[in-house]
Amino acid sequence: MRWHAELAWLGDEVAADVLIEADGERFATVRPGVPAPPDAERLPGLTLPGLANAHSHAFHRALRGRSHAERGDFWTWREQMYAVAGRLDPGSYRALARAVYAEMALAGISVVGEFHYLHHRPGGAPYDDPNAMGEALIAAAADAGIRITLLDACYLTGGIGRPLQGPQLRFGDGSAGNWQRRVDALHGAVGKNGRSHARIGAAVHSVRAVPREQIHAVAAWARDRRAPLHVHLSEQPAENEACRQAYGTSPTRLLADAGALGPLTVAVHATHLDDEDIRVLGTTMTGVCMCPTTERDLADGIGPARDLVNAGAELSLGSDQHAIIDLFEEARAVELDERLRTHRRGHWSAGALLAAATWNGHSALGWPEAGRLEPGAYADLVTVALDSVRTAGTTAEFAAESVVFAATAADVRHVVVSGRPIVRDGRHLLVPDVPAALHTAITELTTAGPGE
């Protein structure tokens, strides 16, 4: 495959007339300043590495637009989420995730980190294949043409010191040891079957959902396999208060004491932190994934992203509950939210925000060989139009700024994942009608009875 990009972001600059060649799944050459050869596919606009959605709950997409009719808060939204969770089975989960991942592909996303805790049947009994739900997500990513890191979450309690109840029973394995055995089987099956588009990571759902004495076992599983470990951290003040009451310390310090922080760990949200929490995350080189559209949709708050990065954390981005799926919006929201918090502009350059959306996200998901337009990297690219009503009038000098601060997912024109064209001229090549697929999957799910 050969492509000729009108403009391409190469990590430190926007270059013109960039010839990009791939050998199989990897880039072979990336050369700026080359006239367009007749056999290369033209890519008008700005071409970027594939985007990485570092935090996703695919089934939450069914709630888009349905949780605003009443005022509510995070906790009432959670009850609506549980109702949806109670209705899914492997077949309906694959259909929904296939459509959601296709929507991601249309938005330029080449890899997703699926934070997966919907493991078992309603009531908690395992499926005949205890990993049937995880396998459905892996298959859905293949259906949609993107890569996936399945972040299999340990989820054992319904709150600190409280048993799982109702829909939460589907989430639990009983103990971290049982979780390890189930995930070992999934890890082995993915490797044995040669599904190169999928990797398995680990997750501690939260300090609310995994007791202190069992966090270490999850962290050890990830550390032994050099796999990413993700954790919801301090999304709500109530989580911090409960942790301090039960353990006498903050969630961040609890995770540190359990050996769960470090360069392979990503703290998701990290919204309500004190100065010591920020210092601990930074000095351990723990990554942080911000999900601004979710954090404002649920009125969670504005996290200290700039302070975390200054302390040593690496920033990645996620669309989480998919109020929208648009990593350009997530990227600019990090800067714009910081402006609201500090009353100052200019906390991140466009390049730094693109890095968060590309190679930082891939690294956070255990794909360090992706997210860059350079030889040897996975051949992922996304081309963004510079002639839409949002981006028209820009120049090469300001192309990166125009994409970060003005473009939307609707401006994505072409997407290639692992050398394979997935989106061409804004049309998904594997899922012909993505809106119809979403409509069908969500309608069937939201009109089904519990457990159907």
Foldseek 3Di string as FASTA:
>chain_A
DKAWEQWEDFLPAIAGGWIWDDDFQFTAATDGPDPDDPPHHYFYFYKFFFFEFQAAAQQLLLCQPVPVPDPDFPVVVVVVVLQLLLQDDLVLLLLSLLLSLLQLVLLRHQEYEHADQQFDFFVQDADPLSRSNVVSNCVSNVLLRHAYEHAQEAFADPFVVHGDDGSRSSRHQNALVSVLVSVVVVQVVCVVVVSVRYHYHYEHAFCGGHPLVRLLSRQVSCVVVVFAYEYAACLAVVNQVRCCVVPVDGRLVSCVVSVNAACRYEHEQQADDDPVSLLSNQVRQHAYEYQVVVSVVNVSHQRPVLSSVVNHHQYAYHNYSPSDNWLLVRLVCNQVSVCVVPVDHDSDDLSSSLCNRFQVSCVNRPQNLGRGSRGRRGPKMWGFHQCDPQRDPDDSNCSSVSSNPTNTSQRIAWIDGSNRTQHHGSAGPSDRDSVVSNVVSSVVSVPDDRSD
